[in-house]
Amino acid sequence: MRGLGRLVRVFFPPLPPPLGMALLPAAPRVVQLNAPEELARFVNEPFYAPLSARLASREAGAQLDGEQERRLESFRANKTALQTELKARLY
């Protein structure tokens, strides 16, 4: 993906292997770029790919601003609270 005249890496969530299948090692000649570690918390979210581009571009000098960091943390806190409430209701 090109962003303002430079290439930006975009990552997509990995596909889980079929249930019961053994994990195969990666081919030795395949170059694997690892997604930024911060993305692991958002692997099942619809904004994973756009966030990956933003986080990967940090290496090129771009950063998340304070508002974006605050919104991500607020999202995580709200989601955790709602999941906790749902689990309590189910139990």
PDB file of N, CA and C in Angstrom:
ATOM      1  N   MET A   1       0.848  -1.164   0.000  1.00  0.00           N
ATOM      2  CA  MET A   1       0.000   0.000   0.000  1.00  0.00           C
ATOM      3  C   MET A   1       0.897   1.231   0.000  1.00  0.00           C
ATOM      4  N   ARG A   2       0.557   2.237  -0.779  1.00  0.00           N
ATOM      5  CA  ARG A   2       1.337   3.475  -0.806  1.00  0.00           C
ATOM      6  C   ARG A   2       0.642   4.522   0.052  1.00  0.00           C
ATOM      7  N   GLY A   3       1.435   5.180   0.873  1.00  0.00           N
ATOM      8  CA  GLY A   3       0.908   6.243   1.707  1.00  0.00           C
ATOM      9  C   GLY A   3       1.804   7.456   1.591  1.00  0.00           C
ATOM     10  N   LEU A   4       1.330   8.493   0.956  1.00  0.00           N
ATOM     11  CA  LEU A   4       2.081   9.730   0.807  1.00  0.00           C
ATOM     12  C   LEU A   4       3.450   9.502   0.183  1.00  0.00           C
ATOM     13  N   GLY A   5       3.509   8.719  -0.877  1.00  0.00           N
ATOM     14  CA  GLY A   5       4.743   8.525  -1.618  1.00  0.00           C
ATOM     15  C   GLY A   5       5.685   7.491  -1.057  1.00  0.00           C
ATOM     16  N   ARG A   6       5.285   6.763  -0.033  1.00  0.00           N
ATOM     17  CA  ARG A   6       6.155   5.720   0.496  1.00  0.00           C
ATOM     18  C   ARG A   6       5.348   4.434   0.697  1.00  0.00           C
ATOM     19  N   LEU A   7       6.040   3.339   0.677  1.00  0.00           N
ATOM     20  CA  LEU A   7       5.366   2.058   0.886  1.00  0.00           C
ATOM     21  C   LEU A   7       5.074   1.862   2.364  1.00  0.00           C
ATOM     22  N   VAL A   8       3.885   1.331   2.652  1.00  0.00           N
ATOM     23  CA  VAL A   8       3.480   1.054   4.020  1.00  0.00           C
ATOM     24  C   VAL A   8       3.091  -0.415   4.091  1.00  0.00           C
ATOM     25  N   ARG A   9       3.640  -1.127   5.060  1.00  0.00           N
ATOM     26  CA  ARG A   9       3.269  -2.532   5.239  1.00  0.00           C
ATOM     27  C   ARG A   9       1.918  -2.618   5.927  1.00  0.00           C
ATOM     28  N   VAL A  10       1.090  -3.528   5.442  1.00  0.00           N
ATOM     29  CA  VAL A  10      -0.219  -3.792   6.038  1.00  0.00           C
ATOM     30  C   VAL A  10      -0.255  -5.266   6.380  1.00  0.00           C
ATOM     31  N   PHE A  11      -0.668  -5.578   7.596  1.00  0.00           N
ATOM     32  CA  PHE A  11      -0.772  -6.965   8.047  1.00  0.00           C
ATOM     33  C   PHE A  11      -2.241  -7.316   8.222  1.00  0.00           C
ATOM     34  N   PHE A  12      -2.560  -8.578   8.003  1.00  0.00           N
ATOM     35  CA  PHE A  12      -3.907  -9.072   8.215  1.00  0.00           C
ATOM     36  C   PHE A  12      -3.835 -10.170   9.261  1.00  0.00           C
ATOM     37  N   PRO A  13      -4.906 -10.376  10.019  1.00  0.00           N
ATOM     38  CA  PRO A  13      -4.862 -11.417  11.049  1.00  0.00           C
ATOM     39  C   PRO A  13      -4.539 -12.772  10.433  1.00  0.00           C
ATOM     40  N   PRO A  14      -3.770 -13.580  11.142  1.00  0.00           N
ATOM     41  CA  PRO A  14      -3.453 -14.905  10.609  1.00  0.00           C
ATOM     42  C   PRO A  14      -4.689 -15.796  10.600  1.00  0.00           C
ATOM     43  N   LEU A  15      -4.730 -16.685   9.637  1.00  0.00           N
ATOM     44  CA  LEU A  15      -5.824 -17.654   9.592  1.00  0.00           C
ATOM     45  C   LEU A  15      -5.497 -18.790  10.549  1.00  0.00           C
ATOM     46  N   PRO A  16      -6.423 -19.158  11.395  1.00  0.00           N
ATOM     47  CA  PRO A  16      -6.150 -20.269  12.298  1.00  0.00           C
ATOM     48  C   PRO A  16      -6.130 -21.578  11.514  1.00  0.00           C
ATOM     49  N   PRO A  17      -5.312 -22.527  11.943  1.00  0.00           N
ATOM     50  CA  PRO A  17      -5.302 -23.817  11.248  1.00  0.00           C
ATOM     51  C   PRO A  17      -6.598 -24.571  11.538  1.00  0.00           C
ATOM     52  N   PRO A  18      -7.004 -25.451  10.642  1.00  0.00           N
ATOM     53  CA  PRO A  18      -8.204 -26.263  10.906  1.00  0.00           C
ATOM     54  C   PRO A  18      -8.023 -27.062  12.200  1.00  0.00           C
ATOM     55  N   LEU A  19      -9.099 -27.244  12.909  1.00  0.00           N
ATOM     56  CA  LEU A  19      -9.069 -27.954  14.178  1.00  0.00           C
ATOM     57  C   LEU A  19      -8.476 -29.349  14.003  1.00  0.00           C
ATOM     58  N   GLY A  20      -7.484 -29.668  14.794  1.00  0.00           N
ATOM     59  CA  GLY A  20      -6.863 -30.981  14.758  1.00  0.00           C
ATOM     60  C   GLY A  20      -5.704 -31.116  13.786  1.00  0.00           C
ATOM     61  N   MET A  21      -5.455 -30.099  12.963  1.00  0.00           N
ATOM     62  CA  MET A  21      -4.352 -30.162  12.013  1.00  0.00           C
ATOM     63  C   MET A  21      -3.049 -29.766  12.692  1.00  0.00           C
ATOM     64  N   ALA A  22      -1.975 -30.435  12.320  1.00  0.00           N
ATOM     65  CA  ALA A  22      -0.662 -30.077  12.840  1.00  0.00           C
ATOM     66  C   ALA A  22      -0.173 -28.811  12.150  1.00  0.00           C
ATOM     67  N   LEU A  23       0.558 -27.988  12.889  1.00  0.00           N
ATOM     68  CA  LEU A  23       1.123 -26.776  12.306  1.00  0.00           C
ATOM     69  C   LEU A  23       2.350 -27.150  11.487  1.00  0.00           C
ATOM     70  N   LEU A  24       2.386 -26.680  10.257  1.00  0.00           N
ATOM     71  CA  LEU A  24       3.519 -26.957   9.388  1.00  0.00           C
ATOM     72  C   LEU A  24       4.540 -25.841   9.523  1.00  0.00           C
ATOM     73  N   PRO A  25       5.826 -26.176   9.523  1.00  0.00           N
ATOM     74  CA  PRO A  25       6.831 -25.108   9.584  1.00  0.00           C
ATOM     75  C   PRO A  25       6.821 -24.303   8.288  1.00  0.00           C
ATOM     76  N   ALA A  26       7.216 -23.042   8.401  1.00  0.00           N
ATOM     77  CA  ALA A  26       7.257 -22.168   7.226  1.00  0.00           C
ATOM     78  C   ALA A  26       8.350 -22.637   6.278  1.00  0.00           C
ATOM     79  N   ALA A  27       8.106 -22.437   4.992  1.00  0.00           N
ATOM     80  CA  ALA A  27       9.124 -22.786   3.995  1.00  0.00           C
ATOM     81  C   ALA A  27      10.375 -21.948   4.260  1.00  0.00           C
ATOM     82  N   PRO A  28      11.563 -22.531   4.140  1.00  0.00           N
ATOM     83  CA  PRO A  28      12.780 -21.809   4.508  1.00  0.00           C
ATOM     84  C   PRO A  28      13.077 -20.591   3.640  1.00  0.00           C
ATOM     85  N   ARG A  29      12.578 -20.538   2.409  1.00  0.00           N
ATOM     86  CA  ARG A  29      12.894 -19.414   1.530  1.00  0.00           C
ATOM     87  C   ARG A  29      11.847 -18.305   1.574  1.00  0.00           C
ATOM     88  N   VAL A  30      10.814 -18.503   2.341  1.00  0.00           N
ATOM     89  CA  VAL A  30       9.750 -17.506   2.428  1.00  0.00           C
ATOM     90  C   VAL A  30      10.155 -16.439   3.444  1.00  0.00           C
ATOM     91  N   VAL A  31      10.113 -15.200   3.012  1.00  0.00           N
ATOM     92  CA  VAL A  31      10.412 -14.101   3.919  1.00  0.00           C
ATOM     93  C   VAL A  31       9.150 -13.787   4.709  1.00  0.00           C
ATOM     94  N   GLN A  32       9.266 -13.832   6.018  1.00  0.00           N
ATOM     95  CA  GLN A  32       8.117 -13.531   6.848  1.00  0.00           C
ATOM     96  C   GLN A  32       8.366 -12.231   7.586  1.00  0.00           C
ATOM     97  N   LEU A  33       7.477 -11.301   7.411  1.00  0.00           N
ATOM     98  CA  LEU A  33       7.519 -10.067   8.174  1.00  0.00           C
ATOM     99  C   LEU A  33       6.542 -10.221   9.327  1.00  0.00           C
ATOM    100  N   ASN A  34       7.014  -9.963  10.502  1.00  0.00           N
ATOM    101  CA  ASN A  34       6.149 -10.097  11.662  1.00  0.00           C
ATOM    102  C   ASN A  34       5.421  -8.791  11.936  1.00  0.00           C
ATOM    103  N   ALA A  35       4.160  -8.926  12.254  1.00  0.00           N
ATOM    104  CA  ALA A  35       3.355  -7.759  12.608  1.00  0.00           C
ATOM    105  C   ALA A  35       3.859  -7.197  13.934  1.00  0.00           C
ATOM    106  N   PRO A  36       3.667  -5.904  14.164  1.00  0.00           N
ATOM    107  CA  PRO A  36       4.049  -5.321  15.451  1.00  0.00           C
ATOM    108  C   PRO A  36       3.361  -6.052  16.603  1.00  0.00           C
ATOM    109  N   GLU A  37       4.069  -6.232  17.708  1.00  0.00           N
ATOM    110  CA  GLU A  37       3.541  -7.004  18.838  1.00  0.00           C
ATOM    111  C   GLU A  37       2.265  -6.409  19.426  1.00  0.00           C
ATOM    112  N   GLU A  38       2.112  -5.097  19.361  1.00  0.00           N
ATOM    113  CA  GLU A  38       0.923  -4.451  19.925  1.00  0.00           C
ATOM    114  C   GLU A  38      -0.358  -4.901  19.248  1.00  0.00           C
ATOM    115  N   LEU A  39      -0.250  -5.438  18.045  1.00  0.00           N
ATOM    116  CA  LEU A  39      -1.438  -5.879  17.304  1.00  0.00           C
ATOM    117  C   LEU A  39      -2.064  -7.138  17.877  1.00  0.00           C
ATOM    118  N   ALA A  40      -1.315  -7.898  18.636  1.00  0.00           N
ATOM    119  CA  ALA A  40      -1.832  -9.151  19.176  1.00  0.00           C
ATOM    120  C   ALA A  40      -3.102  -8.930  19.997  1.00  0.00           C
ATOM    121  N   ARG A  41      -3.208  -7.794  20.660  1.00  0.00           N
ATOM    122  CA  ARG A  41      -4.395  -7.496  21.479  1.00  0.00           C
ATOM    123  C   ARG A  41      -5.632  -7.250  20.636  1.00  0.00           C
ATOM    124  N   PHE A  42      -5.457  -6.979  19.340  1.00  0.00           N
ATOM    125  CA  PHE A  42      -6.579  -6.606  18.481  1.00  0.00           C
ATOM    126  C   PHE A  42      -6.767  -7.561  17.309  1.00  0.00           C
ATOM    127  N   VAL A  43      -6.313  -8.800  17.436  1.00  0.00           N
ATOM    128  CA  VAL A  43      -6.302  -9.732  16.307  1.00  0.00           C
ATOM    129  C   VAL A  43      -7.691 -10.034  15.749  1.00  0.00           C
ATOM    130  N   ASN A  44      -8.726  -9.936  16.549  1.00  0.00           N
ATOM    131  CA  ASN A  44     -10.076 -10.251  16.056  1.00  0.00           C
ATOM    132  C   ASN A  44     -10.925  -9.011  15.827  1.00  0.00           C
ATOM    133  N   GLU A  45     -10.294  -7.861  15.728  1.00  0.00           N
ATOM    134  CA  GLU A  45     -11.036  -6.614  15.537  1.00  0.00           C
ATOM    135  C   GLU A  45     -11.061  -6.206  14.059  1.00  0.00           C
ATOM    136  N   PRO A  46     -12.126  -5.539  13.628  1.00  0.00           N
ATOM    137  CA  PRO A  46     -12.221  -5.155  12.212  1.00  0.00           C
ATOM    138  C   PRO A  46     -11.197  -4.094  11.794  1.00  0.00           C
ATOM    139  N   PHE A  47     -10.604  -3.398  12.746  1.00  0.00           N
ATOM    140  CA  PHE A  47      -9.631  -2.360  12.410  1.00  0.00           C
ATOM    141  C   PHE A  47      -8.190  -2.862  12.472  1.00  0.00           C
ATOM    142  N   TYR A  48      -8.007  -4.174  12.505  1.00  0.00           N
ATOM    143  CA  TYR A  48      -6.660  -4.761  12.605  1.00  0.00           C
ATOM    144  C   TYR A  48      -5.742  -4.306  11.469  1.00  0.00           C
ATOM    145  N   ALA A  49      -6.187  -4.414  10.226  1.00  0.00           N
ATOM    146  CA  ALA A  49      -5.338  -4.067   9.079  1.00  0.00           C
ATOM    147  C   ALA A  49      -4.970  -2.578   9.055  1.00  0.00           C
ATOM    148  N   PRO A  50      -5.937  -1.651   9.218  1.00  0.00           N
ATOM    149  CA  PRO A  50      -5.529  -0.242   9.230  1.00  0.00           C
ATOM    150  C   PRO A  50      -4.598   0.100  10.399  1.00  0.00           C
ATOM    151  N   LEU A  51      -4.862  -0.497  11.555  1.00  0.00           N
ATOM    152  CA  LEU A  51      -3.988  -0.249  12.705  1.00  0.00           C
ATOM    153  C   LEU A  51      -2.597  -0.814  12.453  1.00  0.00           C
ATOM    154  N   SER A  52      -2.521  -1.949  11.752  1.00  0.00           N
ATOM    155  CA  SER A  52      -1.210  -2.537  11.451  1.00  0.00           C
ATOM    156  C   SER A  52      -0.384  -1.603  10.585  1.00  0.00           C
ATOM    157  N   ALA A  53      -1.032  -0.957   9.616  1.00  0.00           N
ATOM    158  CA  ALA A  53      -0.304  -0.015   8.767  1.00  0.00           C
ATOM    159  C   ALA A  53       0.213   1.154   9.586  1.00  0.00           C
ATOM    160  N   ARG A  54      -0.603   1.639  10.507  1.00  0.00           N
ATOM    161  CA  ARG A  54      -0.199   2.765  11.352  1.00  0.00           C
ATOM    162  C   ARG A  54       0.974   2.368  12.255  1.00  0.00           C
ATOM    163  N   LEU A  55       0.867   1.191  12.888  1.00  0.00           N
ATOM    164  CA  LEU A  55       1.927   0.760  13.786  1.00  0.00           C
ATOM    165  C   LEU A  55       3.206   0.403  13.035  1.00  0.00           C
ATOM    166  N   ALA A  56       3.072  -0.201  11.856  1.00  0.00           N
ATOM    167  CA  ALA A  56       4.257  -0.561  11.071  1.00  0.00           C
ATOM    168  C   ALA A  56       4.964   0.684  10.561  1.00  0.00           C
ATOM    169  N   SER A  57       4.216   1.759  10.318  1.00  0.00           N
ATOM    170  CA  SER A  57       4.843   2.973   9.807  1.00  0.00           C
ATOM    171  C   SER A  57       5.576   3.736  10.896  1.00  0.00           C
ATOM    172  N   ARG A  58       5.396   3.354  12.149  1.00  0.00           N
ATOM    173  CA  ARG A  58       6.140   4.002  13.235  1.00  0.00           C
ATOM    174  C   ARG A  58       7.636   3.845  13.030  1.00  0.00           C
ATOM    175  N   GLU A  59       8.024   2.710  12.445  1.00  0.00           N
ATOM    176  CA  GLU A  59       9.442   2.481  12.177  1.00  0.00           C
ATOM    177  C   GLU A  59       9.972   3.532  11.211  1.00  0.00           C
ATOM    178  N   ALA A  60       9.094   4.089  10.389  1.00  0.00           N
ATOM    179  CA  ALA A  60       9.500   5.121   9.439  1.00  0.00           C
ATOM    180  C   ALA A  60       9.331   6.518  10.031  1.00  0.00           C
ATOM    181  N   GLY A  61       9.024   6.605  11.314  1.00  0.00           N
ATOM    182  CA  GLY A  61       8.930   7.901  11.969  1.00  0.00           C
ATOM    183  C   GLY A  61       7.530   8.327  12.349  1.00  0.00           C
ATOM    184  N   ALA A  62       6.492   7.681  11.814  1.00  0.00           N
ATOM    185  CA  ALA A  62       5.114   8.045  12.167  1.00  0.00           C
ATOM    186  C   ALA A  62       4.780   7.452  13.535  1.00  0.00           C
ATOM    187  N   GLN A  63       3.887   8.082  14.263  1.00  0.00           N
ATOM    188  CA  GLN A  63       3.503   7.593  15.580  1.00  0.00           C
ATOM    189  C   GLN A  63       2.008   7.764  15.778  1.00  0.00           C
ATOM    190  N   LEU A  64       1.468   6.981  16.689  1.00  0.00           N
ATOM    191  CA  LEU A  64       0.085   7.190  17.091  1.00  0.00           C
ATOM    192  C   LEU A  64       0.075   8.433  17.964  1.00  0.00           C
ATOM    193  N   ASP A  65      -0.907   9.290  17.749  1.00  0.00           N
ATOM    194  CA  ASP A  65      -0.960  10.464  18.614  1.00  0.00           C
ATOM    195  C   ASP A  65      -1.662  10.095  19.921  1.00  0.00           C
ATOM    196  N   GLY A  66      -1.649  11.003  20.860  1.00  0.00           N
ATOM    197  CA  GLY A  66      -2.229  10.740  22.175  1.00  0.00           C
ATOM    198  C   GLY A  66      -3.698  10.387  22.109  1.00  0.00           C
ATOM    199  N   GLU A  67      -4.430  11.041  21.207  1.00  0.00           N
ATOM    200  CA  GLU A  67      -5.860  10.763  21.057  1.00  0.00           C
ATOM    201  C   GLU A  67      -6.085   9.334  20.568  1.00  0.00           C
ATOM    202  N   GLN A  68      -5.294   8.888  19.606  1.00  0.00           N
ATOM    203  CA  GLN A  68      -5.441   7.520  19.097  1.00  0.00           C
ATOM    204  C   GLN A  68      -5.104   6.500  20.184  1.00  0.00           C
ATOM    205  N   GLU A  69      -4.037   6.749  20.931  1.00  0.00           N
ATOM    206  CA  GLU A  69      -3.672   5.848  22.041  1.00  0.00           C
ATOM    207  C   GLU A  69      -4.802   5.794  23.066  1.00  0.00           C
ATOM    208  N   ARG A  70      -5.365   6.950  23.394  1.00  0.00           N
ATOM    209  CA  ARG A  70      -6.449   7.012  24.372  1.00  0.00           C
ATOM    210  C   ARG A  70      -7.670   6.252  23.881  1.00  0.00           C
ATOM    211  N   ARG A  71      -8.005   6.405  22.595  1.00  0.00           N
ATOM    212  CA  ARG A  71      -9.167   5.715  22.043  1.00  0.00           C
ATOM    213  C   ARG A  71      -8.975   4.201  22.035  1.00  0.00           C
ATOM    214  N   LEU A  72      -7.771   3.742  21.702  1.00  0.00           N
ATOM    215  CA  LEU A  72      -7.506   2.301  21.711  1.00  0.00           C
ATOM    216  C   LEU A  72      -7.616   1.722  23.124  1.00  0.00           C
ATOM    217  N   GLU A  73      -7.048   2.425  24.094  1.00  0.00           N
ATOM    218  CA  GLU A  73      -7.117   1.944  25.477  1.00  0.00           C
ATOM    219  C   GLU A  73      -8.553   1.991  26.004  1.00  0.00           C
ATOM    220  N   SER A  74      -9.303   3.027  25.621  1.00  0.00           N
ATOM    221  CA  SER A  74     -10.700   3.124  26.020  1.00  0.00           C
ATOM    222  C   SER A  74     -11.504   1.973  25.402  1.00  0.00           C
ATOM    223  N   PHE A  75     -11.237   1.673  24.139  1.00  0.00           N
ATOM    224  CA  PHE A  75     -11.908   0.566  23.461  1.00  0.00           C
ATOM    225  C   PHE A  75     -11.640  -0.743  24.196  1.00  0.00           C
ATOM    226  N   ARG A  76     -10.363  -0.989  24.508  1.00  0.00           N
ATOM    227  CA  ARG A  76     -10.004  -2.231  25.213  1.00  0.00           C
ATOM    228  C   ARG A  76     -10.670  -2.323  26.577  1.00  0.00           C
ATOM    229  N   ALA A  77     -10.672  -1.215  27.327  1.00  0.00           N
ATOM    230  CA  ALA A  77     -11.278  -1.214  28.658  1.00  0.00           C
ATOM    231  C   ALA A  77     -12.781  -1.469  28.572  1.00  0.00           C
ATOM    232  N   ASN A  78     -13.461  -0.791  27.627  1.00  0.00           N
ATOM    233  CA  ASN A  78     -14.907  -0.996  27.456  1.00  0.00           C
ATOM    234  C   ASN A  78     -15.221  -2.422  27.031  1.00  0.00           C
ATOM    235  N   LYS A  79     -14.440  -2.955  26.113  1.00  0.00           N
ATOM    236  CA  LYS A  79     -14.679  -4.321  25.639  1.00  0.00           C
ATOM    237  C   LYS A  79     -14.488  -5.316  26.782  1.00  0.00           C
ATOM    238  N   THR A  80     -13.439  -5.142  27.569  1.00  0.00           N
ATOM    239  CA  THR A  80     -13.188  -6.042  28.697  1.00  0.00           C
ATOM    240  C   THR A  80     -14.320  -5.963  29.710  1.00  0.00           C
ATOM    241  N   ALA A  81     -14.799  -4.748  30.011  1.00  0.00           N
ATOM    242  CA  ALA A  81     -15.896  -4.587  30.960  1.00  0.00           C
ATOM    243  C   ALA A  81     -17.171  -5.258  30.447  1.00  0.00           C
ATOM    244  N   LEU A  82     -17.468  -5.079  29.169  1.00  0.00           N
ATOM    245  CA  LEU A  82     -18.664  -5.699  28.591  1.00  0.00           C
ATOM    246  C   LEU A  82     -18.551  -7.217  28.567  1.00  0.00           C
ATOM    247  N   GLN A  83     -17.376  -7.746  28.272  1.00  0.00           N
ATOM    248  CA  GLN A  83     -17.183  -9.198  28.282  1.00  0.00           C
ATOM    249  C   GLN A  83     -17.339  -9.756  29.696  1.00  0.00           C
ATOM    250  N   THR A  84     -16.819  -9.032  30.675  1.00  0.00           N
ATOM    251  CA  THR A  84     -16.940  -9.466  32.073  1.00  0.00           C
ATOM    252  C   THR A  84     -18.408  -9.481  32.489  1.00  0.00           C
ATOM    253  N   GLU A  85     -19.149  -8.443  32.102  1.00  0.00           N
ATOM    254  CA  GLU A  85     -20.575  -8.383  32.406  1.00  0.00           C
ATOM    255  C   GLU A  85     -21.337  -9.517  31.740  1.00  0.00           C
ATOM    256  N   LEU A  86     -21.027  -9.793  30.497  1.00  0.00           N
ATOM    257  CA  LEU A  86     -21.686 -10.879  29.760  1.00  0.00           C
ATOM    258  C   LEU A  86     -21.399 -12.229  30.408  1.00  0.00           C
ATOM    259  N   LYS A  87     -20.152 -12.460  30.790  1.00  0.00           N
ATOM    260  CA  LYS A  87     -19.799 -13.725  31.452  1.00  0.00           C
ATOM    261  C   LYS A  87     -20.542 -13.878  32.771  1.00  0.00           C
ATOM    262  N   ALA A  88     -20.656 -12.783  33.508  1.00  0.00           N
ATOM    263  CA  ALA A  88     -21.384 -12.836  34.797  1.00  0.00           C
ATOM    264  C   ALA A  88     -22.847 -13.193  34.557  1.00  0.00           C
ATOM    265  N   ARG A  89     -23.453 -12.619  33.540  1.00  0.00           N
ATOM    266  CA  ARG A  89     -24.854 -12.925  33.238  1.00  0.00           C
ATOM    267  C   ARG A  89     -25.030 -14.376  32.793  1.00  0.00           C
ATOM    268  N   LEU A  90     -24.072 -14.884  32.018  1.00  0.00           N
ATOM    269  CA  LEU A  90     -24.167 -16.253  31.547  1.00  0.00           C
ATOM    270  C   LEU A  90     -24.006 -17.259  32.677  1.00  0.00           C
ATOM    271  N   TYR A  91     -23.168 -16.934  33.628  1.00  0.00           N
ATOM    272  CA  TYR A  91     -22.955 -17.841  34.768  1.00  0.00           C
ATOM    273  C   TYR A  91     -24.085 -17.701  35.762  1.00  0.00           C
TER     274      TYR A  91
END
